[in-house]
Amino acid sequence: MEREKKNILSVAIMEMAKRKKGKYFTPTDVAQWLYPYDWKFFVDDVIAMMMELYREDKIEVTQKDHSVDKNFFPPGSVKIKLKH
């Protein structure tokens, strides 16, 4: 992924986390916010950046109310929120 794109996605995820004030959101929410018409093409990039931020302990990533493994992205829907 290009450096500029990574930076934009990182800022977008962190900004949404701050705006949600402790509430969960999904990678799809971020993609739709940034790219309202073509969001489906960017979900995988958002997920990749989400996992980077998660490994850096900046955000929480859960699936069915359990933290996901930082080394593997689980299949299915996940939720994101700002780490306390």
PDB file of N, CA and C in Angstrom:
ATOM      1  N   MET A   1       0.849  -1.172   0.000  1.00  0.00           N
ATOM      2  CA  MET A   1       0.000   0.000   0.000  1.00  0.00           C
ATOM      3  C   MET A   1       0.898   1.240   0.000  1.00  0.00           C
ATOM      4  N   GLU A   2       0.507   2.238  -0.753  1.00  0.00           N
ATOM      5  CA  GLU A   2       1.267   3.474  -0.842  1.00  0.00           C
ATOM      6  C   GLU A   2       1.315   4.176   0.508  1.00  0.00           C
ATOM      7  N   ARG A   3       2.417   4.867   0.746  1.00  0.00           N
ATOM      8  CA  ARG A   3       2.613   5.554   2.029  1.00  0.00           C
ATOM      9  C   ARG A   3       1.521   6.590   2.302  1.00  0.00           C
ATOM     10  N   GLU A   4       1.175   7.393   1.297  1.00  0.00           N
ATOM     11  CA  GLU A   4       0.151   8.424   1.478  1.00  0.00           C
ATOM     12  C   GLU A   4      -1.208   7.805   1.810  1.00  0.00           C
ATOM     13  N   LYS A   5      -1.532   6.712   1.125  1.00  0.00           N
ATOM     14  CA  LYS A   5      -2.803   6.035   1.353  1.00  0.00           C
ATOM     15  C   LYS A   5      -2.849   5.445   2.763  1.00  0.00           C
ATOM     16  N   LYS A   6      -1.715   4.858   3.190  1.00  0.00           N
ATOM     17  CA  LYS A   6      -1.642   4.302   4.544  1.00  0.00           C
ATOM     18  C   LYS A   6      -1.861   5.402   5.569  1.00  0.00           C
ATOM     19  N   ASN A   7      -1.250   6.557   5.334  1.00  0.00           N
ATOM     20  CA  ASN A   7      -1.377   7.679   6.254  1.00  0.00           C
ATOM     21  C   ASN A   7      -2.821   8.163   6.336  1.00  0.00           C
ATOM     22  N   ILE A   8      -3.473   8.282   5.210  1.00  0.00           N
ATOM     23  CA  ILE A   8      -4.876   8.724   5.176  1.00  0.00           C
ATOM     24  C   ILE A   8      -5.764   7.730   5.917  1.00  0.00           C
ATOM     25  N   LEU A   9      -5.561   6.452   5.682  1.00  0.00           N
ATOM     26  CA  LEU A   9      -6.383   5.434   6.337  1.00  0.00           C
ATOM     27  C   LEU A   9      -6.139   5.404   7.843  1.00  0.00           C
ATOM     28  N   SER A  10      -4.894   5.563   8.239  1.00  0.00           N
ATOM     29  CA  SER A  10      -4.568   5.605   9.661  1.00  0.00           C
ATOM     30  C   SER A  10      -5.266   6.774  10.351  1.00  0.00           C
ATOM     31  N   VAL A  11      -5.158   7.949   9.747  1.00  0.00           N
ATOM     32  CA  VAL A  11      -5.805   9.141  10.304  1.00  0.00           C
ATOM     33  C   VAL A  11      -7.317   8.957  10.338  1.00  0.00           C
ATOM     34  N   ALA A  12      -7.886   8.391   9.288  1.00  0.00           N
ATOM     35  CA  ALA A  12      -9.339   8.204   9.222  1.00  0.00           C
ATOM     36  C   ALA A  12      -9.828   7.252  10.313  1.00  0.00           C
ATOM     37  N   ILE A  13      -9.126   6.153  10.518  1.00  0.00           N
ATOM     38  CA  ILE A  13      -9.527   5.199  11.562  1.00  0.00           C
ATOM     39  C   ILE A  13      -9.436   5.856  12.943  1.00  0.00           C
ATOM     40  N   MET A  14      -8.338   6.547  13.200  1.00  0.00           N
ATOM     41  CA  MET A  14      -8.163   7.182  14.506  1.00  0.00           C
ATOM     42  C   MET A  14      -9.181   8.311  14.714  1.00  0.00           C
ATOM     43  N   GLU A  15      -9.471   9.061  13.673  1.00  0.00           N
ATOM     44  CA  GLU A  15     -10.457  10.145  13.780  1.00  0.00           C
ATOM     45  C   GLU A  15     -11.851   9.587  14.047  1.00  0.00           C
ATOM     46  N   MET A  16     -12.222   8.529  13.339  1.00  0.00           N
ATOM     47  CA  MET A  16     -13.533   7.930  13.585  1.00  0.00           C
ATOM     48  C   MET A  16     -13.599   7.379  15.010  1.00  0.00           C
ATOM     49  N   ALA A  17     -12.522   6.781  15.471  1.00  0.00           N
ATOM     50  CA  ALA A  17     -12.485   6.252  16.841  1.00  0.00           C
ATOM     51  C   ALA A  17     -12.704   7.372  17.858  1.00  0.00           C
ATOM     52  N   LYS A  18     -12.087   8.512  17.622  1.00  0.00           N
ATOM     53  CA  LYS A  18     -12.265   9.653  18.534  1.00  0.00           C
ATOM     54  C   LYS A  18     -13.692  10.190  18.468  1.00  0.00           C
ATOM     55  N   ARG A  19     -14.251  10.267  17.274  1.00  0.00           N
ATOM     56  CA  ARG A  19     -15.617  10.784  17.105  1.00  0.00           C
ATOM     57  C   ARG A  19     -16.662   9.851  17.732  1.00  0.00           C
ATOM     58  N   LYS A  20     -16.390   8.560  17.714  1.00  0.00           N
ATOM     59  CA  LYS A  20     -17.344   7.586  18.265  1.00  0.00           C
ATOM     60  C   LYS A  20     -17.337   7.568  19.789  1.00  0.00           C
ATOM     61  N   LYS A  21     -16.320   8.159  20.411  1.00  0.00           N
ATOM     62  CA  LYS A  21     -16.254   8.315  21.875  1.00  0.00           C
ATOM     63  C   LYS A  21     -16.541   7.014  22.627  1.00  0.00           C
ATOM     64  N   GLY A  22     -15.755   5.986  22.309  1.00  0.00           N
ATOM     65  CA  GLY A  22     -15.895   4.726  23.022  1.00  0.00           C
ATOM     66  C   GLY A  22     -16.882   3.744  22.424  1.00  0.00           C
ATOM     67  N   LYS A  23     -17.577   4.141  21.377  1.00  0.00           N
ATOM     68  CA  LYS A  23     -18.512   3.229  20.713  1.00  0.00           C
ATOM     69  C   LYS A  23     -17.783   2.501  19.580  1.00  0.00           C
ATOM     70  N   TYR A  24     -18.245   1.313  19.303  1.00  0.00           N
ATOM     71  CA  TYR A  24     -17.644   0.499  18.252  1.00  0.00           C
ATOM     72  C   TYR A  24     -18.100   0.933  16.861  1.00  0.00           C
ATOM     73  N   PHE A  25     -17.245   0.660  15.873  1.00  0.00           N
ATOM     74  CA  PHE A  25     -17.558   0.876  14.457  1.00  0.00           C
ATOM     75  C   PHE A  25     -16.829  -0.195  13.656  1.00  0.00           C
ATOM     76  N   THR A  26     -17.119  -0.281  12.383  1.00  0.00           N
ATOM     77  CA  THR A  26     -16.541  -1.345  11.552  1.00  0.00           C
ATOM     78  C   THR A  26     -15.586  -0.771  10.501  1.00  0.00           C
ATOM     79  N   PRO A  27     -14.740  -1.619   9.927  1.00  0.00           N
ATOM     80  CA  PRO A  27     -13.894  -1.159   8.820  1.00  0.00           C
ATOM     81  C   PRO A  27     -14.729  -0.628   7.646  1.00  0.00           C
ATOM     82  N   THR A  28     -15.880  -1.219   7.437  1.00  0.00           N
ATOM     83  CA  THR A  28     -16.770  -0.745   6.365  1.00  0.00           C
ATOM     84  C   THR A  28     -17.234   0.682   6.625  1.00  0.00           C
ATOM     85  N   ASP A  29     -17.502   1.022   7.886  1.00  0.00           N
ATOM     86  CA  ASP A  29     -17.891   2.394   8.223  1.00  0.00           C
ATOM     87  C   ASP A  29     -16.825   3.392   7.787  1.00  0.00           C
ATOM     88  N   VAL A  30     -15.568   3.045   8.018  1.00  0.00           N
ATOM     89  CA  VAL A  30     -14.455   3.925   7.643  1.00  0.00           C
ATOM     90  C   VAL A  30     -14.377   4.057   6.125  1.00  0.00           C
ATOM     91  N   ALA A  31     -14.453   2.939   5.422  1.00  0.00           N
ATOM     92  CA  ALA A  31     -14.381   2.966   3.959  1.00  0.00           C
ATOM     93  C   ALA A  31     -15.530   3.790   3.370  1.00  0.00           C
ATOM     94  N   GLN A  32     -16.729   3.632   3.906  1.00  0.00           N
ATOM     95  CA  GLN A  32     -17.886   4.387   3.400  1.00  0.00           C
ATOM     96  C   GLN A  32     -17.761   5.872   3.698  1.00  0.00           C
ATOM     97  N   TRP A  33     -17.165   6.207   4.816  1.00  0.00           N
ATOM     98  CA  TRP A  33     -16.959   7.610   5.195  1.00  0.00           C
ATOM     99  C   TRP A  33     -15.980   8.284   4.231  1.00  0.00           C
ATOM    100  N   LEU A  34     -14.892   7.580   3.907  1.00  0.00           N
ATOM    101  CA  LEU A  34     -13.868   8.149   3.033  1.00  0.00           C
ATOM    102  C   LEU A  34     -14.238   8.106   1.558  1.00  0.00           C
ATOM    103  N   TYR A  35     -14.852   7.014   1.154  1.00  0.00           N
ATOM    104  CA  TYR A  35     -15.134   6.773  -0.272  1.00  0.00           C
ATOM    105  C   TYR A  35     -16.605   6.393  -0.434  1.00  0.00           C
ATOM    106  N   PRO A  36     -17.518   7.357  -0.344  1.00  0.00           N
ATOM    107  CA  PRO A  36     -18.942   7.043  -0.324  1.00  0.00           C
ATOM    108  C   PRO A  36     -19.456   6.258  -1.540  1.00  0.00           C
ATOM    109  N   TYR A  37     -18.836   6.425  -2.681  1.00  0.00           N
ATOM    110  CA  TYR A  37     -19.334   5.758  -3.876  1.00  0.00           C
ATOM    111  C   TYR A  37     -18.583   4.470  -4.201  1.00  0.00           C
ATOM    112  N   ASP A  38     -17.302   4.433  -3.924  1.00  0.00           N
ATOM    113  CA  ASP A  38     -16.471   3.288  -4.293  1.00  0.00           C
ATOM    114  C   ASP A  38     -15.926   2.555  -3.077  1.00  0.00           C
ATOM    115  N   TRP A  39     -16.590   2.640  -1.949  1.00  0.00           N
ATOM    116  CA  TRP A  39     -16.068   2.130  -0.681  1.00  0.00           C
ATOM    117  C   TRP A  39     -15.699   0.652  -0.707  1.00  0.00           C
ATOM    118  N   LYS A  40     -16.413  -0.141  -1.495  1.00  0.00           N
ATOM    119  CA  LYS A  40     -16.160  -1.596  -1.526  1.00  0.00           C
ATOM    120  C   LYS A  40     -14.742  -1.929  -1.990  1.00  0.00           C
ATOM    121  N   PHE A  41     -14.170  -1.046  -2.803  1.00  0.00           N
ATOM    122  CA  PHE A  41     -12.822  -1.286  -3.308  1.00  0.00           C
ATOM    123  C   PHE A  41     -11.739  -1.022  -2.260  1.00  0.00           C
ATOM    124  N   PHE A  42     -12.096  -0.392  -1.150  1.00  0.00           N
ATOM    125  CA  PHE A  42     -11.117   0.037  -0.162  1.00  0.00           C
ATOM    126  C   PHE A  42     -11.225  -0.667   1.185  1.00  0.00           C
ATOM    127  N   VAL A  43     -12.182  -1.528   1.359  1.00  0.00           N
ATOM    128  CA  VAL A  43     -12.374  -2.205   2.648  1.00  0.00           C
ATOM    129  C   VAL A  43     -11.138  -3.018   3.041  1.00  0.00           C
ATOM    130  N   ASP A  44     -10.553  -3.734   2.105  1.00  0.00           N
ATOM    131  CA  ASP A  44      -9.366  -4.539   2.428  1.00  0.00           C
ATOM    132  C   ASP A  44      -8.203  -3.664   2.892  1.00  0.00           C
ATOM    133  N   ASP A  45      -8.048  -2.492   2.279  1.00  0.00           N
ATOM    134  CA  ASP A  45      -6.992  -1.564   2.706  1.00  0.00           C
ATOM    135  C   ASP A  45      -7.254  -1.036   4.114  1.00  0.00           C
ATOM    136  N   VAL A  46      -8.508  -0.732   4.406  1.00  0.00           N
ATOM    137  CA  VAL A  46      -8.867  -0.272   5.752  1.00  0.00           C
ATOM    138  C   VAL A  46      -8.586  -1.377   6.767  1.00  0.00           C
ATOM    139  N   ILE A  47      -8.917  -2.597   6.435  1.00  0.00           N
ATOM    140  CA  ILE A  47      -8.668  -3.733   7.333  1.00  0.00           C
ATOM    141  C   ILE A  47      -7.172  -3.899   7.584  1.00  0.00           C
ATOM    142  N   ALA A  48      -6.368  -3.782   6.545  1.00  0.00           N
ATOM    143  CA  ALA A  48      -4.920  -3.905   6.707  1.00  0.00           C
ATOM    144  C   ALA A  48      -4.385  -2.831   7.650  1.00  0.00           C
ATOM    145  N   MET A  49      -4.842  -1.596   7.483  1.00  0.00           N
ATOM    146  CA  MET A  49      -4.392  -0.516   8.366  1.00  0.00           C
ATOM    147  C   MET A  49      -4.937  -0.706   9.777  1.00  0.00           C
ATOM    148  N   MET A  50      -6.169  -1.176   9.890  1.00  0.00           N
ATOM    149  CA  MET A  50      -6.747  -1.466  11.202  1.00  0.00           C
ATOM    150  C   MET A  50      -5.863  -2.444  11.968  1.00  0.00           C
ATOM    151  N   MET A  51      -5.413  -3.478  11.292  1.00  0.00           N
ATOM    152  CA  MET A  51      -4.567  -4.479  11.953  1.00  0.00           C
ATOM    153  C   MET A  51      -3.220  -3.884  12.365  1.00  0.00           C
ATOM    154  N   GLU A  52      -2.657  -2.987  11.558  1.00  0.00           N
ATOM    155  CA  GLU A  52      -1.411  -2.315  11.947  1.00  0.00           C
ATOM    156  C   GLU A  52      -1.617  -1.496  13.221  1.00  0.00           C
ATOM    157  N   LEU A  53      -2.694  -0.722  13.260  1.00  0.00           N
ATOM    158  CA  LEU A  53      -2.983   0.098  14.440  1.00  0.00           C
ATOM    159  C   LEU A  53      -3.266  -0.774  15.658  1.00  0.00           C
ATOM    160  N   TYR A  54      -3.906  -1.899  15.442  1.00  0.00           N
ATOM    161  CA  TYR A  54      -4.203  -2.842  16.521  1.00  0.00           C
ATOM    162  C   TYR A  54      -2.909  -3.433  17.082  1.00  0.00           C
ATOM    163  N   ARG A  55      -1.998  -3.796  16.214  1.00  0.00           N
ATOM    164  CA  ARG A  55      -0.706  -4.337  16.663  1.00  0.00           C
ATOM    165  C   ARG A  55       0.109  -3.293  17.425  1.00  0.00           C
ATOM    166  N   GLU A  56      -0.121  -2.019  17.106  1.00  0.00           N
ATOM    167  CA  GLU A  56       0.557  -0.923  17.811  1.00  0.00           C
ATOM    168  C   GLU A  56      -0.182  -0.524  19.089  1.00  0.00           C
ATOM    169  N   ASP A  57      -1.242  -1.243  19.431  1.00  0.00           N
ATOM    170  CA  ASP A  57      -2.065  -0.998  20.627  1.00  0.00           C
ATOM    171  C   ASP A  57      -2.726   0.380  20.656  1.00  0.00           C
ATOM    172  N   LYS A  58      -3.076   0.900  19.488  1.00  0.00           N
ATOM    173  CA  LYS A  58      -3.764   2.187  19.414  1.00  0.00           C
ATOM    174  C   LYS A  58      -5.283   2.019  19.421  1.00  0.00           C
ATOM    175  N   ILE A  59      -5.748   0.853  18.980  1.00  0.00           N
ATOM    176  CA  ILE A  59      -7.181   0.586  18.924  1.00  0.00           C
ATOM    177  C   ILE A  59      -7.453  -0.822  19.456  1.00  0.00           C
ATOM    178  N   GLU A  60      -8.720  -1.083  19.737  1.00  0.00           N
ATOM    179  CA  GLU A  60      -9.184  -2.422  20.095  1.00  0.00           C
ATOM    180  C   GLU A  60      -9.924  -2.993  18.886  1.00  0.00           C
ATOM    181  N   VAL A  61      -9.743  -4.276  18.638  1.00  0.00           N
ATOM    182  CA  VAL A  61     -10.465  -4.958  17.561  1.00  0.00           C
ATOM    183  C   VAL A  61     -11.085  -6.211  18.167  1.00  0.00           C
ATOM    184  N   THR A  62     -12.398  -6.305  18.054  1.00  0.00           N
ATOM    185  CA  THR A  62     -13.099  -7.441  18.644  1.00  0.00           C
ATOM    186  C   THR A  62     -13.996  -8.123  17.619  1.00  0.00           C
ATOM    187  N   GLN A  63     -14.282  -9.386  17.931  1.00  0.00           N
ATOM    188  CA  GLN A  63     -15.239 -10.159  17.156  1.00  0.00           C
ATOM    189  C   GLN A  63     -16.064 -10.941  18.161  1.00  0.00           C
ATOM    190  N   LYS A  64     -17.362 -10.739  18.128  1.00  0.00           N
ATOM    191  CA  LYS A  64     -18.266 -11.390  19.081  1.00  0.00           C
ATOM    192  C   LYS A  64     -17.812 -11.148  20.523  1.00  0.00           C
ATOM    193  N   ASP A  65     -17.465  -9.893  20.821  1.00  0.00           N
ATOM    194  CA  ASP A  65     -17.066  -9.435  22.164  1.00  0.00           C
ATOM    195  C   ASP A  65     -15.761 -10.035  22.677  1.00  0.00           C
ATOM    196  N   HIS A  66     -14.934 -10.596  21.808  1.00  0.00           N
ATOM    197  CA  HIS A  66     -13.624 -11.123  22.197  1.00  0.00           C
ATOM    198  C   HIS A  66     -12.548 -10.447  21.353  1.00  0.00           C
ATOM    199  N   SER A  67     -11.411 -10.131  21.955  1.00  0.00           N
ATOM    200  CA  SER A  67     -10.292  -9.567  21.204  1.00  0.00           C
ATOM    201  C   SER A  67      -9.819 -10.570  20.168  1.00  0.00           C
ATOM    202  N   VAL A  68      -9.485 -10.057  18.995  1.00  0.00           N
ATOM    203  CA  VAL A  68      -8.985 -10.944  17.948  1.00  0.00           C
ATOM    204  C   VAL A  68      -7.479 -11.121  18.099  1.00  0.00           C
ATOM    205  N   ASP A  69      -6.957 -12.200  17.543  1.00  0.00           N
ATOM    206  CA  ASP A  69      -5.520 -12.468  17.541  1.00  0.00           C
ATOM    207  C   ASP A  69      -4.839 -11.397  16.690  1.00  0.00           C
ATOM    208  N   LYS A  70      -3.810 -10.762  17.219  1.00  0.00           N
ATOM    209  CA  LYS A  70      -3.123  -9.687  16.496  1.00  0.00           C
ATOM    210  C   LYS A  70      -2.329 -10.196  15.296  1.00  0.00           C
ATOM    211  N   ASN A  71      -2.117 -11.482  15.211  1.00  0.00           N
ATOM    212  CA  ASN A  71      -1.326 -12.044  14.117  1.00  0.00           C
ATOM    213  C   ASN A  71      -2.160 -12.518  12.928  1.00  0.00           C
ATOM    214  N   PHE A  72      -3.460 -12.652  13.140  1.00  0.00           N
ATOM    215  CA  PHE A  72      -4.329 -13.171  12.078  1.00  0.00           C
ATOM    216  C   PHE A  72      -5.640 -12.404  12.064  1.00  0.00           C
ATOM    217  N   PHE A  73      -6.090 -12.056  10.877  1.00  0.00           N
ATOM    218  CA  PHE A  73      -7.392 -11.413  10.775  1.00  0.00           C
ATOM    219  C   PHE A  73      -8.454 -12.493  10.676  1.00  0.00           C
ATOM    220  N   PRO A  74      -9.422 -12.485  11.582  1.00  0.00           N
ATOM    221  CA  PRO A  74     -10.455 -13.524  11.557  1.00  0.00           C
ATOM    222  C   PRO A  74     -11.465 -13.301  10.435  1.00  0.00           C
ATOM    223  N   PRO A  75     -12.035 -14.375   9.935  1.00  0.00           N
ATOM    224  CA  PRO A  75     -13.094 -14.217   8.934  1.00  0.00           C
ATOM    225  C   PRO A  75     -14.339 -13.642   9.606  1.00  0.00           C
ATOM    226  N   GLY A  76     -15.110 -12.906   8.876  1.00  0.00           N
ATOM    227  CA  GLY A  76     -16.342 -12.346   9.420  1.00  0.00           C
ATOM    228  C   GLY A  76     -16.176 -10.912   9.876  1.00  0.00           C
ATOM    229  N   SER A  77     -17.219 -10.418  10.487  1.00  0.00           N
ATOM    230  CA  SER A  77     -17.300  -9.023  10.910  1.00  0.00           C
ATOM    231  C   SER A  77     -16.532  -8.752  12.187  1.00  0.00           C
ATOM    232  N   VAL A  78     -15.848  -7.613  12.243  1.00  0.00           N
ATOM    233  CA  VAL A  78     -15.148  -7.184  13.445  1.00  0.00           C
ATOM    234  C   VAL A  78     -15.576  -5.769  13.806  1.00  0.00           C
ATOM    235  N   LYS A  79     -15.299  -5.389  15.034  1.00  0.00           N
ATOM    236  CA  LYS A  79     -15.600  -4.041  15.511  1.00  0.00           C
ATOM    237  C   LYS A  79     -14.319  -3.388  16.009  1.00  0.00           C
ATOM    238  N   ILE A  80     -14.270  -2.070  15.872  1.00  0.00           N
ATOM    239  CA  ILE A  80     -13.092  -1.273  16.246  1.00  0.00           C
ATOM    240  C   ILE A  80     -13.528  -0.231  17.266  1.00  0.00           C
ATOM    241  N   LYS A  81     -12.647   0.092  18.213  1.00  0.00           N
ATOM    242  CA  LYS A  81     -12.841   1.263  19.048  1.00  0.00           C
ATOM    243  C   LYS A  81     -11.498   1.725  19.564  1.00  0.00           C
ATOM    244  N   LEU A  82     -11.442   2.953  20.010  1.00  0.00           N
ATOM    245  CA  LEU A  82     -10.208   3.538  20.520  1.00  0.00           C
ATOM    246  C   LEU A  82      -9.795   2.828  21.795  1.00  0.00           C
ATOM    247  N   LYS A  83      -8.507   2.551  21.896  1.00  0.00           N
ATOM    248  CA  LYS A  83      -7.981   1.888  23.093  1.00  0.00           C
ATOM    249  C   LYS A  83      -7.941   2.893  24.239  1.00  0.00           C
ATOM    250  N   HIS A  84      -8.297   2.455  25.412  1.00  0.00           N
ATOM    251  CA  HIS A  84      -8.291   3.338  26.593  1.00  0.00           C
ATOM    252  C   HIS A  84      -6.888   3.643  27.026  1.00  0.00           C
TER     253      HIS A  84
END
